[in-house]
Amino acid sequence: MSALPKPQIAKHVVCVSWVPTLAGTREMLLREAGCQVTSIVGAQAVERLRQIQQTDLLVLAHSVPRSEKQKVLEIFRHTCKAPILSLLAPHQEKLPQADFAVEATSPADFVRVVQEILAE
């Protein structure tokens, strides 16, 4: 009798956004790709990051104002060491604290980039 393969444990992704509809779309895409997702939307919700002890990736949306991105990164790095993916609008610069940065393009590209990062 052969051993059954171990079930794949879903990777946990935390997404921070300032636009609820984009946050919802990203959450749906990542769940369909097999990820567990925690969405944090808006400045008032950023404090929720302090409660996150373990995650596999932080996705920081291009909609988050740069000054707020700094705050998010500071809070996140205080409790987690997971990689950070910064989604960029055209002509936005990568934050030095972000491990990865890509221009926010098609949904398929977004999912592919997240999957590549999680596979590392």
N, C-alpha and C. Protein backbone atom coordinates (compact mmCIF):
# COMPACT_ATOMS: atom_id res chain seq x y z
N MET A 1 0.84 -1.16 0.00
CA MET A 1 0.00 0.00 0.00
C MET A 1 0.90 1.24 0.00
N SER A 2 0.64 2.17 -0.93
CA SER A 2 1.48 3.37 -1.02
C SER A 2 0.93 4.48 -0.14
N ALA A 3 1.84 5.30 0.34
CA ALA A 3 1.44 6.42 1.19
C ALA A 3 0.75 7.49 0.35
N LEU A 4 -0.27 8.07 0.92
CA LEU A 4 -0.95 9.16 0.23
C LEU A 4 -0.08 10.41 0.27
N PRO A 5 -0.09 11.21 -0.81
CA PRO A 5 0.69 12.44 -0.78
C PRO A 5 0.13 13.38 0.29
N LYS A 6 1.03 14.11 0.91
CA LYS A 6 0.59 15.08 1.92
C LYS A 6 -0.21 16.18 1.23
N PRO A 7 -1.31 16.61 1.83
CA PRO A 7 -2.07 17.69 1.22
C PRO A 7 -1.25 18.99 1.24
N GLN A 8 -1.36 19.72 0.17
CA GLN A 8 -0.66 21.00 0.06
C GLN A 8 -1.30 22.00 1.01
N ILE A 9 -0.48 22.63 1.82
CA ILE A 9 -1.01 23.66 2.73
C ILE A 9 -1.08 24.96 1.97
N ALA A 10 -2.24 25.60 2.01
CA ALA A 10 -2.44 26.85 1.29
C ALA A 10 -1.51 27.93 1.83
N LYS A 11 -0.89 28.65 0.92
CA LYS A 11 -0.04 29.78 1.30
C LYS A 11 -0.93 30.94 1.73
N HIS A 12 -0.50 31.66 2.76
CA HIS A 12 -1.26 32.79 3.28
C HIS A 12 -0.69 34.09 2.72
N VAL A 13 -1.54 34.87 2.07
CA VAL A 13 -1.16 36.15 1.48
C VAL A 13 -1.98 37.25 2.15
N VAL A 14 -1.30 38.30 2.58
CA VAL A 14 -1.96 39.47 3.14
C VAL A 14 -1.91 40.56 2.07
N CYS A 15 -3.07 41.10 1.72
CA CYS A 15 -3.16 42.16 0.71
C CYS A 15 -3.62 43.45 1.36
N VAL A 16 -2.86 44.52 1.14
CA VAL A 16 -3.22 45.84 1.66
C VAL A 16 -3.57 46.72 0.47
N SER A 17 -4.74 47.34 0.54
CA SER A 17 -5.22 48.19 -0.55
C SER A 17 -6.02 49.35 0.00
N TRP A 18 -6.19 50.37 -0.80
CA TRP A 18 -7.03 51.50 -0.41
C TRP A 18 -8.33 51.50 -1.22
N VAL A 19 -8.46 50.59 -2.20
CA VAL A 19 -9.64 50.55 -3.07
C VAL A 19 -10.37 49.22 -2.84
N PRO A 20 -11.55 49.26 -2.21
CA PRO A 20 -12.26 48.02 -1.86
C PRO A 20 -12.53 47.08 -3.04
N THR A 21 -12.90 47.62 -4.20
CA THR A 21 -13.21 46.74 -5.34
C THR A 21 -11.96 46.02 -5.83
N LEU A 22 -10.83 46.72 -5.87
CA LEU A 22 -9.58 46.07 -6.28
C LEU A 22 -9.14 45.04 -5.25
N ALA A 23 -9.32 45.35 -3.98
CA ALA A 23 -8.99 44.40 -2.92
C ALA A 23 -9.82 43.13 -3.07
N GLY A 24 -11.10 43.30 -3.34
CA GLY A 24 -11.99 42.15 -3.52
C GLY A 24 -11.60 41.31 -4.72
N THR A 25 -11.23 41.97 -5.80
CA THR A 25 -10.81 41.24 -7.01
C THR A 25 -9.53 40.47 -6.76
N ARG A 26 -8.55 41.11 -6.12
CA ARG A 26 -7.29 40.41 -5.82
C ARG A 26 -7.53 39.22 -4.89
N GLU A 27 -8.39 39.42 -3.91
CA GLU A 27 -8.69 38.32 -2.99
C GLU A 27 -9.32 37.15 -3.74
N MET A 28 -10.26 37.44 -4.61
CA MET A 28 -10.93 36.38 -5.38
C MET A 28 -9.91 35.64 -6.27
N LEU A 29 -9.04 36.38 -6.95
CA LEU A 29 -8.04 35.77 -7.82
C LEU A 29 -7.10 34.86 -7.04
N LEU A 30 -6.64 35.33 -5.88
CA LEU A 30 -5.71 34.54 -5.09
C LEU A 30 -6.38 33.32 -4.48
N ARG A 31 -7.63 33.45 -4.05
CA ARG A 31 -8.36 32.28 -3.52
C ARG A 31 -8.55 31.23 -4.61
N GLU A 32 -8.88 31.68 -5.82
CA GLU A 32 -9.03 30.74 -6.94
C GLU A 32 -7.71 30.04 -7.25
N ALA A 33 -6.59 30.71 -6.96
CA ALA A 33 -5.27 30.12 -7.19
C ALA A 33 -4.83 29.24 -6.02
N GLY A 34 -5.70 29.09 -5.00
CA GLY A 34 -5.40 28.19 -3.89
C GLY A 34 -4.79 28.84 -2.67
N CYS A 35 -4.77 30.15 -2.62
CA CYS A 35 -4.18 30.85 -1.47
C CYS A 35 -5.23 31.15 -0.40
N GLN A 36 -4.75 31.26 0.80
CA GLN A 36 -5.55 31.80 1.91
C GLN A 36 -5.25 33.29 1.90
N VAL A 37 -6.26 34.15 2.00
CA VAL A 37 -6.06 35.59 1.85
C VAL A 37 -6.66 36.37 3.01
N THR A 38 -5.90 37.34 3.48
CA THR A 38 -6.40 38.33 4.43
C THR A 38 -6.31 39.68 3.74
N SER A 39 -7.45 40.36 3.59
CA SER A 39 -7.46 41.68 2.97
C SER A 39 -7.56 42.75 4.04
N ILE A 40 -6.74 43.77 3.87
CA ILE A 40 -6.75 44.93 4.75
C ILE A 40 -6.99 46.14 3.85
N VAL A 41 -8.12 46.82 4.07
CA VAL A 41 -8.52 47.90 3.18
C VAL A 41 -8.63 49.22 3.95
N GLY A 42 -7.84 50.19 3.53
CA GLY A 42 -7.93 51.53 4.09
C GLY A 42 -7.06 51.75 5.31
N ALA A 43 -6.79 53.02 5.56
CA ALA A 43 -5.90 53.42 6.66
C ALA A 43 -6.39 52.94 8.01
N GLN A 44 -7.71 52.94 8.22
CA GLN A 44 -8.24 52.54 9.52
C GLN A 44 -8.01 51.06 9.82
N ALA A 45 -7.77 50.26 8.79
CA ALA A 45 -7.59 48.82 8.99
C ALA A 45 -6.12 48.41 9.12
N VAL A 46 -5.19 49.33 8.87
CA VAL A 46 -3.77 49.00 8.88
C VAL A 46 -3.31 48.43 10.22
N GLU A 47 -3.91 48.86 11.30
CA GLU A 47 -3.52 48.35 12.62
C GLU A 47 -3.72 46.84 12.73
N ARG A 48 -4.58 46.26 11.87
CA ARG A 48 -4.78 44.80 11.87
C ARG A 48 -3.47 44.07 11.56
N LEU A 49 -2.55 44.74 10.88
CA LEU A 49 -1.27 44.12 10.56
C LEU A 49 -0.51 43.69 11.82
N ARG A 50 -0.71 44.41 12.90
CA ARG A 50 -0.02 44.09 14.16
C ARG A 50 -0.42 42.72 14.69
N GLN A 51 -1.61 42.24 14.31
CA GLN A 51 -2.11 40.96 14.79
C GLN A 51 -1.62 39.78 13.94
N ILE A 52 -1.03 40.08 12.78
CA ILE A 52 -0.58 39.01 11.89
C ILE A 52 0.82 38.59 12.27
N GLN A 53 0.94 37.37 12.72
CA GLN A 53 2.23 36.84 13.16
C GLN A 53 2.92 36.03 12.07
N GLN A 54 2.12 35.37 11.25
CA GLN A 54 2.69 34.47 10.24
C GLN A 54 1.95 34.62 8.93
N THR A 55 2.69 34.88 7.88
CA THR A 55 2.14 34.92 6.53
C THR A 55 3.26 34.57 5.56
N ASP A 56 2.89 34.25 4.34
CA ASP A 56 3.89 33.89 3.34
C ASP A 56 4.25 35.04 2.41
N LEU A 57 3.38 36.07 2.34
CA LEU A 57 3.62 37.19 1.43
C LEU A 57 2.71 38.35 1.80
N LEU A 58 3.27 39.56 1.71
CA LEU A 58 2.47 40.79 1.82
C LEU A 58 2.42 41.41 0.44
N VAL A 59 1.21 41.70 -0.03
CA VAL A 59 1.02 42.41 -1.30
C VAL A 59 0.55 43.81 -0.95
N LEU A 60 1.31 44.79 -1.39
CA LEU A 60 1.02 46.19 -1.12
C LEU A 60 0.55 46.83 -2.43
N ALA A 61 -0.72 47.20 -2.49
CA ALA A 61 -1.33 47.69 -3.73
C ALA A 61 -0.79 49.07 -4.13
N HIS A 62 -0.86 49.33 -5.42
CA HIS A 62 -0.41 50.62 -5.93
C HIS A 62 -1.30 51.77 -5.46
N SER A 63 -2.50 51.47 -5.00
CA SER A 63 -3.43 52.51 -4.57
C SER A 63 -3.09 53.10 -3.20
N VAL A 64 -2.21 52.45 -2.46
CA VAL A 64 -1.85 52.93 -1.12
C VAL A 64 -0.91 54.13 -1.29
N PRO A 65 -1.25 55.27 -0.68
CA PRO A 65 -0.36 56.43 -0.78
C PRO A 65 1.04 56.11 -0.24
N ARG A 66 2.05 56.70 -0.85
CA ARG A 66 3.44 56.37 -0.50
C ARG A 66 3.71 56.55 0.99
N SER A 67 3.20 57.62 1.60
CA SER A 67 3.43 57.83 3.04
C SER A 67 2.79 56.72 3.86
N GLU A 68 1.65 56.22 3.44
CA GLU A 68 0.99 55.12 4.13
C GLU A 68 1.72 53.79 3.88
N LYS A 69 2.32 53.65 2.70
CA LYS A 69 3.10 52.44 2.42
C LYS A 69 4.24 52.31 3.43
N GLN A 70 4.88 53.43 3.73
CA GLN A 70 5.97 53.41 4.70
C GLN A 70 5.47 52.91 6.06
N LYS A 71 4.30 53.39 6.46
CA LYS A 71 3.72 52.98 7.74
C LYS A 71 3.39 51.48 7.72
N VAL A 72 2.78 51.03 6.63
CA VAL A 72 2.43 49.61 6.49
C VAL A 72 3.69 48.75 6.59
N LEU A 73 4.73 49.13 5.88
CA LEU A 73 5.96 48.35 5.88
C LEU A 73 6.59 48.31 7.27
N GLU A 74 6.57 49.42 7.95
CA GLU A 74 7.13 49.47 9.31
C GLU A 74 6.38 48.55 10.26
N ILE A 75 5.05 48.62 10.22
CA ILE A 75 4.23 47.76 11.09
C ILE A 75 4.44 46.29 10.73
N PHE A 76 4.41 45.99 9.44
CA PHE A 76 4.53 44.61 9.00
C PHE A 76 5.87 44.02 9.39
N ARG A 77 6.95 44.74 9.15
CA ARG A 77 8.29 44.23 9.45
C ARG A 77 8.53 44.04 10.95
N HIS A 78 7.72 44.69 11.75
CA HIS A 78 7.86 44.55 13.20
C HIS A 78 7.43 43.16 13.67
N THR A 79 6.49 42.54 12.94
CA THR A 79 5.97 41.24 13.36
C THR A 79 6.24 40.11 12.37
N CYS A 80 6.55 40.42 11.10
CA CYS A 80 6.71 39.38 10.08
C CYS A 80 7.97 39.58 9.26
N LYS A 81 8.49 38.48 8.79
CA LYS A 81 9.68 38.51 7.94
C LYS A 81 9.38 38.04 6.52
N ALA A 82 8.12 37.87 6.20
CA ALA A 82 7.73 37.39 4.87
C ALA A 82 8.11 38.41 3.79
N PRO A 83 8.28 37.94 2.56
CA PRO A 83 8.58 38.88 1.48
C PRO A 83 7.44 39.83 1.22
N ILE A 84 7.79 40.97 0.62
CA ILE A 84 6.81 42.02 0.31
C ILE A 84 6.82 42.26 -1.19
N LEU A 85 5.63 42.20 -1.78
CA LEU A 85 5.43 42.52 -3.19
C LEU A 85 4.71 43.85 -3.27
N SER A 86 5.35 44.81 -3.91
CA SER A 86 4.73 46.12 -4.11
C SER A 86 4.21 46.19 -5.54
N LEU A 87 2.91 46.42 -5.68
CA LEU A 87 2.32 46.61 -7.00
C LEU A 87 2.46 48.08 -7.36
N LEU A 88 2.94 48.34 -8.56
CA LEU A 88 3.23 49.71 -8.98
C LEU A 88 2.30 50.16 -10.10
N ALA A 89 1.87 51.41 -10.01
CA ALA A 89 1.20 52.04 -11.13
C ALA A 89 2.30 52.49 -12.10
N PRO A 90 1.96 52.77 -13.36
CA PRO A 90 3.00 53.25 -14.28
C PRO A 90 3.73 54.46 -13.67
N HIS A 91 5.03 54.45 -13.79
CA HIS A 91 5.92 55.53 -13.33
C HIS A 91 6.09 55.61 -11.82
N GLN A 92 5.53 54.66 -11.06
CA GLN A 92 5.81 54.63 -9.61
C GLN A 92 7.14 53.94 -9.40
N GLU A 93 7.87 54.40 -8.39
CA GLU A 93 9.15 53.79 -8.07
C GLU A 93 8.98 52.71 -7.00
N LYS A 94 9.85 51.70 -7.07
CA LYS A 94 9.86 50.64 -6.08
C LYS A 94 10.34 51.21 -4.74
N LEU A 95 9.67 50.79 -3.68
CA LEU A 95 10.12 51.16 -2.34
C LEU A 95 11.34 50.30 -2.00
N PRO A 96 12.36 50.90 -1.39
CA PRO A 96 13.55 50.12 -1.06
C PRO A 96 13.27 48.93 -0.14
N GLN A 97 12.26 49.04 0.72
CA GLN A 97 11.95 47.97 1.67
C GLN A 97 11.22 46.79 1.03
N ALA A 98 10.67 46.99 -0.17
CA ALA A 98 9.94 45.92 -0.84
C ALA A 98 10.92 44.92 -1.46
N ASP A 99 10.62 43.64 -1.31
CA ASP A 99 11.48 42.61 -1.89
C ASP A 99 11.25 42.46 -3.39
N PHE A 100 10.01 42.69 -3.81
CA PHE A 100 9.63 42.56 -5.21
C PHE A 100 8.74 43.74 -5.57
N ALA A 101 8.79 44.16 -6.83
CA ALA A 101 7.91 45.22 -7.31
C ALA A 101 7.59 44.95 -8.78
N VAL A 102 6.32 45.03 -9.10
CA VAL A 102 5.89 44.86 -10.49
C VAL A 102 4.80 45.88 -10.78
N GLU A 103 4.73 46.27 -12.05
CA GLU A 103 3.65 47.14 -12.46
C GLU A 103 2.36 46.35 -12.44
N ALA A 104 1.33 46.92 -11.86
CA ALA A 104 0.02 46.26 -11.79
C ALA A 104 -0.54 46.17 -13.21
N THR A 105 -0.55 44.94 -13.75
CA THR A 105 -1.02 44.76 -15.12
C THR A 105 -2.26 43.88 -15.12
N SER A 106 -2.24 42.83 -15.89
CA SER A 106 -3.44 41.98 -16.00
C SER A 106 -3.58 41.09 -14.77
N PRO A 107 -4.80 40.62 -14.50
CA PRO A 107 -5.02 39.69 -13.39
C PRO A 107 -4.16 38.43 -13.50
N ALA A 108 -4.00 37.91 -14.70
CA ALA A 108 -3.19 36.70 -14.89
C ALA A 108 -1.73 36.96 -14.52
N ASP A 109 -1.21 38.13 -14.90
CA ASP A 109 0.16 38.48 -14.54
C ASP A 109 0.32 38.60 -13.03
N PHE A 110 -0.66 39.20 -12.37
CA PHE A 110 -0.63 39.36 -10.92
C PHE A 110 -0.54 37.99 -10.24
N VAL A 111 -1.41 37.08 -10.63
CA VAL A 111 -1.44 35.73 -10.03
C VAL A 111 -0.13 35.00 -10.32
N ARG A 112 0.38 35.12 -11.54
CA ARG A 112 1.63 34.45 -11.91
C ARG A 112 2.79 34.95 -11.05
N VAL A 113 2.89 36.26 -10.86
CA VAL A 113 3.97 36.83 -10.03
C VAL A 113 3.87 36.34 -8.60
N VAL A 114 2.66 36.35 -8.05
CA VAL A 114 2.47 35.88 -6.67
C VAL A 114 2.87 34.41 -6.57
N GLN A 115 2.44 33.60 -7.51
CA GLN A 115 2.79 32.17 -7.47
C GLN A 115 4.29 31.95 -7.59
N GLU A 116 4.96 32.74 -8.42
CA GLU A 116 6.42 32.61 -8.54
C GLU A 116 7.12 32.95 -7.23
N ILE A 117 6.66 34.02 -6.58
CA ILE A 117 7.26 34.42 -5.31
C ILE A 117 7.03 33.34 -4.25
N LEU A 118 5.81 32.82 -4.18
CA LEU A 118 5.49 31.81 -3.17
C LEU A 118 6.22 30.49 -3.42
N ALA A 119 6.61 30.23 -4.67
CA ALA A 119 7.31 29.00 -4.99
C ALA A 119 8.79 29.05 -4.60
N GLU A 120 9.32 30.25 -4.38
CA GLU A 120 10.75 30.39 -4.03
C GLU A 120 11.05 29.84 -2.67
